[in-house]
Amino acid sequence: MRHARRKRLGLLLTTVSLTALLGLNAQAQADTDTTAVAPAAANPYERGPAPTEASVTAARGPFAIAQVNVPSGSGAGFNDGTIYYPTDTSQGTFGAVAVIPGFISPQAVIQWFGPRLASQGFVVFTLDSNGLADLPDARGRQLLAALDYLTTQSTVRTRIDPNRLAVMGHSMGGGGTLLAAENRPTLKAAIPLAPWEPDTSWEGVKVPTMIIGGESDVVAPVSSMAIPDYNSLSSAPEKAYLELRSGDHLAPASESPTVAEYALSWLKRFVDDDTRYDQFLCPGPTPDTDISQYLDTCPNGS
């Protein structure tokens, strides 16, 4: 009888011990699983809601904006321009981009980028060049001078993250954009639009660069400028080439959903480090009625 009770007691203790052990193992596994699936810290530079095809092609984004006119003589190294910026101060500072037009072109040619990009969460400085006939090297210096003014002297400098800056430009301003990127490797992004610059060797550029060209451009033919520019960007961490079907020299600087979508996505991806925009860049678009060719390295090899 005593032996039978000891046997039953032993079985009961064994069962209790196994149950406790299994419970501990289950809890340990749950802790491990919880650790494994815990989300990474949110990107501190994300601005605005998750993007959609409709949002990246919209004429205006989610941010209310204001503008400041910058008269000639306000800062050293550039002429005049207009600063567009989000009025929201609740989300921290924003990345900034300077945009310059091309040969004999006024600010008006590229000014549409100001409100369009600012309403998506950037501070944008659209410029008039010092001289209408300024060559690419001069325009590149003006872009960098404008960024320096934005971050150190402008009335909106406290709204800008000085470590997240980009440059854009059309035609000779596009050539200037490549030169600015070559001379300031700390820039986060560069977008040359129909770049005009006889030198197509850009191995020294270490900035993520998207070139937008026009298939039918006879001023800066893509076969002798934009495409060789893209091919030479061997040191750029990421690069892309978007070619507008039947586009002339002005097409990359003209307001359109296609140009807006890819310029915005490039800036969001590399100035804001916002991987939510990878979907618009990689895999790249296939040729269609708007795009004749697209080349890229795909962000992070994705």
Protein backbone atom coordinates (compact mmCIF):
# COMPACT_ATOMS: atom_id res chain seq x y z
CA MET A 1 0.00 0.00 0.00
CA ARG A 2 2.77 2.42 1.05
CA HIS A 3 4.74 1.43 -2.05
CA ALA A 4 1.72 2.10 -4.27
CA ARG A 5 1.20 5.54 -2.67
CA ARG A 6 4.89 6.40 -3.13
CA LYS A 7 4.61 5.33 -6.76
CA ARG A 8 1.53 7.49 -7.32
CA LEU A 9 3.21 10.41 -5.53
CA GLY A 10 6.30 9.99 -7.69
CA LEU A 11 4.23 10.03 -10.86
CA LEU A 12 2.40 13.15 -9.66
CA LEU A 13 5.65 14.98 -8.86
CA THR A 14 7.11 13.95 -12.21
CA THR A 15 4.02 15.27 -13.98
CA VAL A 16 4.15 18.54 -12.04
CA SER A 17 7.87 18.93 -12.78
CA LEU A 18 7.38 18.26 -16.49
CA THR A 19 4.48 20.69 -16.61
CA ALA A 20 6.54 23.39 -14.93
CA LEU A 21 9.50 22.70 -17.21
CA LEU A 22 7.32 22.84 -20.29
CA GLY A 23 5.81 26.08 -19.03
CA LEU A 24 9.24 27.62 -18.55
CA ASN A 25 10.33 26.49 -22.00
CA ALA A 26 7.16 27.88 -23.53
CA GLN A 27 7.69 31.23 -21.80
CA ALA A 28 11.32 31.31 -22.91
CA GLN A 29 10.26 30.59 -26.48
CA ALA A 30 7.60 33.28 -26.29
CA ASP A 31 10.19 35.75 -25.04
CA THR A 32 12.49 34.77 -27.89
CA ASP A 33 9.70 35.10 -30.44
CA THR A 34 8.68 38.47 -29.03
CA THR A 35 12.25 39.67 -29.31
CA ALA A 36 12.53 38.36 -32.85
CA VAL A 37 9.43 40.13 -34.13
CA ALA A 38 9.79 43.36 -32.17
CA PRO A 39 9.67 46.18 -34.73
CA ALA A 40 12.76 48.25 -35.35
CA ALA A 41 12.75 51.85 -34.20
CA ALA A 42 10.76 54.06 -36.55
CA ASN A 43 12.80 56.06 -39.06
CA PRO A 44 13.11 59.51 -37.45
CA TYR A 45 13.21 61.19 -40.87
CA GLU A 46 9.94 59.88 -42.25
CA ARG A 47 7.59 62.76 -42.96
CA GLY A 48 3.96 62.34 -43.92
CA PRO A 49 1.73 59.28 -44.31
CA ALA A 50 2.61 56.08 -46.14
CA PRO A 51 2.81 56.84 -49.87
CA THR A 52 0.54 55.54 -52.60
CA GLU A 53 0.58 55.88 -56.38
CA ALA A 54 -2.03 58.61 -55.99
CA SER A 55 0.00 60.51 -53.38
CA VAL A 56 3.29 60.55 -55.30
CA THR A 57 1.62 61.86 -58.46
CA ALA A 58 -0.65 64.37 -56.70
CA ALA A 59 -0.19 68.05 -57.43
CA ARG A 60 0.08 68.70 -53.69
CA GLY A 61 1.09 66.59 -50.73
CA PRO A 62 -0.20 66.48 -47.14
CA PHE A 63 1.70 69.51 -45.79
CA ALA A 64 0.44 73.08 -45.79
CA ILE A 65 3.22 75.34 -47.08
CA ALA A 66 4.38 78.93 -47.07
CA GLN A 67 7.01 80.76 -49.10
CA VAL A 68 9.69 83.39 -48.61
CA ASN A 69 11.09 85.51 -51.43
CA VAL A 70 14.87 85.88 -51.22
CA PRO A 71 16.06 89.04 -53.02
CA SER A 72 19.39 89.40 -54.73
CA GLY A 73 22.17 90.23 -52.28
CA SER A 74 20.69 88.19 -49.43
CA GLY A 75 23.60 85.77 -49.42
CA ALA A 76 26.96 85.26 -51.04
CA GLY A 77 27.40 83.17 -54.16
CA PHE A 78 23.88 83.05 -55.60
CA ASN A 79 21.37 85.48 -57.09
CA ASP A 80 17.79 85.38 -55.83
CA GLY A 81 15.08 82.83 -55.40
CA THR A 82 12.06 81.55 -53.52
CA ILE A 83 11.98 79.27 -50.49
CA TYR A 84 8.99 76.97 -50.06
CA TYR A 85 8.59 75.17 -46.77
CA PRO A 86 6.09 73.15 -44.71
CA THR A 87 4.41 75.17 -41.97
CA ASP A 88 4.14 72.13 -39.69
CA THR A 89 6.67 72.24 -36.86
CA SER A 90 5.40 69.17 -35.00
CA GLN A 91 7.40 66.59 -36.94
CA GLY A 92 10.89 67.97 -36.46
CA THR A 93 13.20 69.34 -39.12
CA PHE A 94 13.02 68.65 -42.86
CA GLY A 95 15.50 67.83 -45.58
CA ALA A 96 16.20 70.61 -48.09
CA VAL A 97 16.87 70.84 -51.81
CA ALA A 98 18.14 73.67 -54.02
CA VAL A 99 16.97 73.80 -57.67
CA ILE A 100 18.50 75.86 -60.47
CA PRO A 101 17.43 76.38 -64.12
CA GLY A 102 19.53 76.15 -67.24
CA PHE A 103 21.07 78.38 -69.91
CA ILE A 104 19.10 81.64 -70.45
CA SER A 105 16.26 80.26 -68.34
CA PRO A 106 14.58 82.06 -65.44
CA GLN A 107 13.57 80.54 -62.14
CA ALA A 108 10.04 80.14 -63.51
CA VAL A 109 11.13 77.08 -65.54
CA ILE A 110 11.83 75.00 -62.45
CA GLN A 111 9.71 76.85 -59.89
CA TRP A 112 6.92 74.25 -59.88
CA PHE A 113 9.22 71.92 -57.92
CA GLY A 114 9.01 74.35 -54.99
CA PRO A 115 5.40 74.00 -53.85
CA ARG A 116 5.09 70.45 -55.11
CA LEU A 117 8.03 69.06 -53.13
CA ALA A 118 7.53 71.33 -50.10
CA SER A 119 3.98 70.03 -49.71
CA GLN A 120 5.48 66.53 -49.47
CA GLY A 121 7.82 67.47 -46.63
CA PHE A 122 10.92 69.29 -47.92
CA VAL A 123 12.28 72.81 -47.76
CA VAL A 124 12.87 73.82 -51.39
CA PHE A 125 14.89 76.78 -52.69
CA THR A 126 14.24 77.55 -56.37
CA LEU A 127 16.82 79.90 -57.85
CA ASP A 128 17.56 82.42 -60.54
CA SER A 129 21.14 81.98 -61.73
CA ASN A 130 23.62 84.81 -61.28
CA GLY A 131 23.77 85.23 -65.04
CA LEU A 132 21.47 83.74 -67.66
CA ALA A 133 24.51 82.47 -69.58
CA ASP A 134 26.30 80.94 -66.57
CA LEU A 135 28.05 77.68 -67.40
CA PRO A 136 27.55 74.44 -65.41
CA ASP A 137 30.47 74.98 -63.03
CA ALA A 138 29.09 78.37 -61.98
CA ARG A 139 25.61 76.92 -61.50
CA GLY A 140 27.03 74.12 -59.38
CA ARG A 141 28.70 76.65 -57.08
CA GLN A 142 25.46 78.60 -56.85
CA LEU A 143 23.55 75.49 -55.77
CA LEU A 144 25.99 74.86 -52.93
CA ALA A 145 25.97 78.55 -51.91
CA ALA A 146 22.18 78.45 -51.81
CA LEU A 147 22.24 75.40 -49.52
CA ASP A 148 24.73 77.14 -47.24
CA TYR A 149 22.44 80.17 -47.06
CA LEU A 150 19.42 77.98 -46.38
CA THR A 151 21.02 76.24 -43.42
CA THR A 152 22.88 79.16 -41.83
CA GLN A 153 21.19 82.47 -42.71
CA SER A 154 17.68 81.97 -44.03
CA THR A 155 14.58 82.68 -41.97
CA VAL A 156 13.68 78.98 -42.15
CA ARG A 157 17.06 77.60 -41.12
CA THR A 158 15.70 76.14 -37.87
CA ARG A 159 13.27 74.01 -39.89
CA ILE A 160 16.09 72.33 -41.83
CA ASP A 161 18.30 69.37 -41.00
CA PRO A 162 21.68 70.56 -42.35
CA ASN A 163 22.82 66.95 -42.73
CA ARG A 164 20.06 66.06 -45.22
CA LEU A 165 20.53 68.20 -48.32
CA ALA A 166 20.10 67.67 -52.07
CA VAL A 167 20.53 69.47 -55.40
CA MET A 168 18.57 69.57 -58.65
CA GLY A 169 19.00 71.48 -61.89
CA HIS A 170 17.99 71.59 -65.54
CA SER A 171 20.24 71.64 -68.63
CA MET A 172 23.39 73.54 -67.65
CA GLY A 173 21.87 73.48 -64.18
CA GLY A 174 21.81 69.69 -64.55
CA GLY A 175 25.50 69.76 -65.36
CA GLY A 176 25.91 72.03 -62.34
CA THR A 177 24.04 69.49 -60.24
CA LEU A 178 26.57 66.80 -61.13
CA LEU A 179 29.43 69.17 -60.35
CA ALA A 180 27.87 70.13 -57.02
CA ALA A 181 27.49 66.45 -56.12
CA GLU A 182 31.09 65.78 -57.09
CA ASN A 183 32.33 68.70 -54.99
CA ARG A 184 30.19 67.97 -51.93
CA PRO A 185 29.97 64.22 -51.31
CA THR A 186 28.00 64.77 -48.08
CA LEU A 187 24.89 65.58 -50.12
CA LYS A 188 22.18 62.96 -49.79
CA ALA A 189 20.79 63.12 -53.34
CA ALA A 190 21.24 64.73 -56.75
CA ILE A 191 18.76 64.94 -59.63
CA PRO A 192 20.17 66.32 -62.91
CA LEU A 193 17.40 67.10 -65.41
CA ALA A 194 18.43 66.88 -69.08
CA PRO A 195 22.00 67.60 -67.95
CA TRP A 196 24.16 69.58 -70.37
CA GLU A 197 27.89 69.22 -69.75
CA PRO A 198 30.46 68.01 -72.32
CA ASP A 199 32.45 66.20 -69.65
CA THR A 200 30.62 62.94 -69.00
CA SER A 201 33.10 61.43 -66.54
CA TRP A 202 31.55 61.37 -63.08
CA GLU A 203 33.48 58.62 -61.32
CA GLY A 204 34.08 61.05 -58.45
CA VAL A 205 30.39 61.48 -57.60
CA LYS A 206 29.57 59.62 -54.39
CA VAL A 207 26.00 60.87 -54.03
CA PRO A 208 22.86 58.87 -54.95
CA THR A 209 21.97 60.33 -58.34
CA MET A 210 18.91 60.09 -60.56
CA ILE A 211 19.24 61.50 -64.09
CA ILE A 212 16.07 62.38 -66.00
CA GLY A 213 16.43 62.82 -69.76
CA GLY A 214 14.24 63.26 -72.81
CA GLU A 215 14.29 60.66 -75.58
CA SER A 216 14.10 63.34 -78.31
CA ASP A 217 16.35 65.97 -76.72
CA VAL A 218 18.49 67.61 -79.42
CA VAL A 219 20.09 70.20 -77.12
CA ALA A 220 21.59 67.70 -74.69
CA PRO A 221 21.13 64.39 -76.53
CA VAL A 222 20.78 61.53 -74.09
CA SER A 223 23.07 59.36 -76.20
CA SER A 224 25.98 61.75 -75.72
CA MET A 225 25.23 63.23 -72.31
CA ALA A 226 22.60 61.74 -69.94
CA ILE A 227 23.34 58.07 -70.67
CA PRO A 228 27.16 58.41 -70.57
CA ASP A 229 26.71 60.46 -67.39
CA TYR A 230 24.71 57.62 -65.84
CA ASN A 231 27.18 54.95 -66.97
CA SER A 232 30.12 56.83 -65.49
CA LEU A 233 28.61 57.10 -61.99
CA SER A 234 30.64 54.13 -60.77
CA SER A 235 31.14 55.50 -57.24
CA ALA A 236 27.58 56.59 -56.60
CA PRO A 237 26.05 54.30 -53.96
CA GLU A 238 22.82 54.23 -56.00
CA LYS A 239 21.90 55.62 -59.40
CA ALA A 240 18.99 55.69 -61.81
CA TYR A 241 18.24 56.95 -65.30
CA LEU A 242 14.69 57.84 -66.33
CA GLU A 243 14.08 58.65 -70.00
CA LEU A 244 10.84 60.39 -71.01
CA ARG A 245 9.32 59.00 -74.18
CA SER A 246 9.49 61.56 -77.02
CA GLY A 247 10.63 64.12 -74.46
CA ASP A 248 12.44 67.21 -75.71
CA HIS A 249 15.01 69.25 -73.80
CA LEU A 250 12.40 70.97 -71.64
CA ALA A 251 10.42 67.83 -70.77
CA PRO A 252 12.44 66.85 -67.66
CA ALA A 253 11.92 70.34 -66.22
CA SER A 254 8.23 70.55 -67.11
CA GLU A 255 5.60 69.74 -64.52
CA SER A 256 4.26 66.23 -65.01
CA PRO A 257 3.12 63.34 -62.80
CA THR A 258 5.98 61.17 -64.09
CA VAL A 259 8.79 63.61 -63.30
CA ALA A 260 7.18 64.46 -59.97
CA GLU A 261 6.77 60.82 -58.95
CA TYR A 262 10.37 59.82 -59.55
CA ALA A 263 11.99 63.03 -58.31
CA LEU A 264 9.92 62.89 -55.12
CA SER A 265 10.58 59.18 -54.57
CA TRP A 266 14.33 59.66 -55.03
CA LEU A 267 14.45 62.54 -52.55
CA LYS A 268 12.28 60.69 -50.04
CA ARG A 269 14.37 57.55 -50.32
CA PHE A 270 17.79 59.16 -49.96
CA VAL A 271 17.27 62.48 -48.16
CA ASP A 272 14.72 61.06 -45.71
CA ASP A 273 16.02 57.46 -45.83
CA ASP A 274 12.37 56.52 -46.27
CA THR A 275 12.22 52.95 -47.55
CA ARG A 276 8.45 53.24 -48.00
CA TYR A 277 9.32 54.81 -51.36
CA ASP A 278 11.37 51.85 -52.60
CA GLN A 279 8.22 50.51 -54.24
CA PHE A 280 8.29 53.35 -56.79
CA LEU A 281 11.95 52.89 -57.66
CA CYS A 282 12.58 49.16 -57.62
CA PRO A 283 11.72 47.22 -59.58
CA GLY A 284 11.81 50.08 -62.03
CA PRO A 285 9.02 50.87 -64.47
CA THR A 286 8.78 49.07 -67.79
CA PRO A 287 8.66 51.20 -70.95
CA ASP A 288 5.22 52.66 -71.62
CA THR A 289 3.62 55.70 -73.20
CA ASP A 290 5.46 58.01 -70.77
CA ILE A 291 8.79 56.26 -70.23
CA SER A 292 11.06 55.01 -73.02
CA GLN A 293 13.82 53.63 -70.80
CA TYR A 294 14.66 53.15 -67.14
CA LEU A 295 17.99 52.00 -65.72
CA ASP A 296 18.91 51.65 -62.08
CA THR A 297 20.92 49.86 -59.45
CA CYS A 298 17.89 49.46 -57.14
CA PRO A 299 18.13 50.83 -53.59
CA ASN A 300 20.08 48.40 -51.39
CA GLY A 301 20.08 45.86 -54.22
CA SER A 302 16.40 45.13 -53.65
